[in-house]
C-alpha atoms as a PDB file:
ATOM      1  CA  LEU A   1     -16.566  -8.754  -4.481  1.00  0.00           C
ATOM      2  CA  ILE A   2     -13.572  -7.425  -6.261  1.00  0.00           C
ATOM      3  CA  SER A   3     -12.146  -5.956  -3.048  1.00  0.00           C
ATOM      4  CA  ILE A   4     -12.366  -9.334  -1.201  1.00  0.00           C
ATOM      5  CA  ALA A   5     -10.769 -11.292  -4.158  1.00  0.00           C
ATOM      6  CA  ALA A   6      -7.945  -8.951  -4.343  1.00  0.00           C
ATOM      7  CA  ALA A   7      -7.417  -8.921  -0.605  1.00  0.00           C
ATOM      8  CA  MET A   8      -7.195 -12.783  -0.684  1.00  0.00           C
ATOM      9  CA  GLY A   9      -4.540 -12.463  -3.233  1.00  0.00           C
ATOM     10  CA  GLY A  10      -6.607 -12.844  -6.386  1.00  0.00           C
ATOM     11  CA  ASN A  11      -6.306 -11.113  -9.595  1.00  0.00           C
ATOM     12  CA  VAL A  12      -9.227  -8.808 -10.677  1.00  0.00           C
ATOM     13  CA  ARG A  13     -10.489  -7.302 -13.864  1.00  0.00           C
ATOM     14  CA  VAL A  14     -13.091  -4.554 -14.478  1.00  0.00           C
ATOM     15  CA  GLY A  15     -15.112  -3.381 -17.544  1.00  0.00           C
ATOM     16  CA  LEU A  16     -18.576  -3.057 -19.078  1.00  0.00           C
ATOM     17  CA  GLU A  17     -18.264  -6.501 -20.307  1.00  0.00           C
ATOM     18  CA  ASP A  18     -18.083  -7.733 -16.572  1.00  0.00           C
ATOM     19  CA  SER A  19     -20.685  -5.330 -15.079  1.00  0.00           C
ATOM     20  CA  LEU A  20     -22.821  -2.435 -16.327  1.00  0.00           C
ATOM     21  CA  TYR A  21     -22.734  -0.799 -12.907  1.00  0.00           C
ATOM     22  CA  ASP A  22     -20.293   1.595 -10.985  1.00  0.00           C
ATOM     23  CA  GLY A  23     -21.841   1.480  -7.513  1.00  0.00           C
ATOM     24  CA  ARG A  24     -25.553   1.966  -7.730  1.00  0.00           C
ATOM     25  CA  GLN A  25     -25.571   3.696 -11.030  1.00  0.00           C
ATOM     26  CA  LEU A  26     -24.818   2.594 -14.493  1.00  0.00           C
ATOM     27  CA  ALA A  27     -21.233   3.085 -15.440  1.00  0.00           C
ATOM     28  CA  LYS A  28     -20.417   5.607 -18.097  1.00  0.00           C
ATOM     29  CA  SER A  29     -17.288   4.109 -19.419  1.00  0.00           C
ATOM     30  CA  ASN A  30     -14.744   1.342 -18.605  1.00  0.00           C
ATOM     31  CA  ALA A  31     -12.415   4.162 -17.490  1.00  0.00           C
ATOM     32  CA  ASP A  32     -14.750   5.089 -14.735  1.00  0.00           C
ATOM     33  CA  GLN A  33     -14.782   1.655 -13.368  1.00  0.00           C
ATOM     34  CA  VAL A  34     -11.115   1.286 -13.674  1.00  0.00           C
ATOM     35  CA  ARG A  35     -10.502   4.535 -11.674  1.00  0.00           C
ATOM     36  CA  ARG A  36     -13.027   3.423  -8.980  1.00  0.00           C
ATOM     37  CA  ILE A  37     -11.590   0.065  -8.400  1.00  0.00           C
ATOM     38  CA  ARG A  38      -8.042   1.348  -8.701  1.00  0.00           C
ATOM     39  CA  GLY A  39      -8.844   3.611  -5.893  1.00  0.00           C
ATOM     40  CA  ILE A  40     -10.273   0.852  -3.607  1.00  0.00           C
ATOM     41  CA  LEU A  41      -7.137  -1.387  -4.319  1.00  0.00           C
ATOM     42  CA  GLU A  42      -4.640   1.557  -3.617  1.00  0.00           C
ATOM     43  CA  GLY A  43      -6.714   2.308  -0.414  1.00  0.00           C
ATOM     44  CA  LEU A  44      -6.211  -1.332   0.612  1.00  0.00           C
ATOM     45  CA  SER A  45      -2.461  -0.908  -0.140  1.00  0.00           C
ATOM     46  CA  LEU A  46      -2.527  -3.308  -2.974  1.00  0.00           C
ATOM     47  CA  GLU A  47      -0.380  -2.842  -6.177  1.00  0.00           C
ATOM     48  CA  VAL A  48      -2.376  -2.353  -9.496  1.00  0.00           C
ATOM     49  CA  ALA A  49      -0.507  -3.873 -12.472  1.00  0.00           C
ATOM     50  CA  THR A  50       0.727  -1.419 -15.457  1.00  0.00           C
ATOM     51  CA  PRO A  51      -0.852  -2.236 -18.789  1.00  0.00           C
ATOM     52  CA  ALA A  52       2.604  -3.707 -19.723  1.00  0.00           C
ATOM     53  CA  GLU A  53       2.401  -6.203 -16.816  1.00  0.00           C
ATOM     54  CA  ALA A  54      -1.444  -7.027 -17.422  1.00  0.00           C
ATOM     55  CA  ARG A  55      -0.602  -8.020 -21.070  1.00  0.00           C
ATOM     56  CA  ASP A  56       2.466  -9.880 -19.946  1.00  0.00           C
ATOM     57  CA  MET A  57       0.220 -11.871 -17.213  1.00  0.00           C
ATOM     58  CA  LEU A  58      -2.490 -12.543 -19.986  1.00  0.00           C
ATOM     59  CA  ALA A  59       0.135 -13.334 -22.765  1.00  0.00           C
ATOM     60  CA  LEU A  60      -1.333 -10.664 -24.978  1.00  0.00           C
ATOM     61  CA  LYS A  61       0.409  -9.027 -27.883  1.00  0.00           C
ATOM     62  CA  GLY A  62       1.442  -5.262 -27.315  1.00  0.00           C
ATOM     63  CA  GLY A  63       0.634  -2.672 -30.114  1.00  0.00           C
ATOM     64  CA  ASP A  64       4.238  -3.038 -31.375  1.00  0.00           C
ATOM     65  CA  ARG A  65       3.489  -6.861 -32.072  1.00  0.00           C
ATOM     66  CA  VAL A  66       0.232  -6.623 -34.298  1.00  0.00           C
ATOM     67  CA  ALA A  67       0.141  -6.301 -38.094  1.00  0.00           C
ATOM     68  CA  PHE A  68      -2.775  -3.628 -38.150  1.00  0.00           C
END
């Protein structure tokens, strides 16, 4: 579904909080899921946001703007 959403111009996110599976197996980590989806998106010639771009899109604080 992520591939279809991205191909239609939607934003996507991945992580163990969204799905426990990576293909037909249990995902070992968020990083495994991110690598897999990034490969799919790049195979479709779609641009993947940098961490800074994602923080900006989601209005999240960066590590330099937190008090801990």
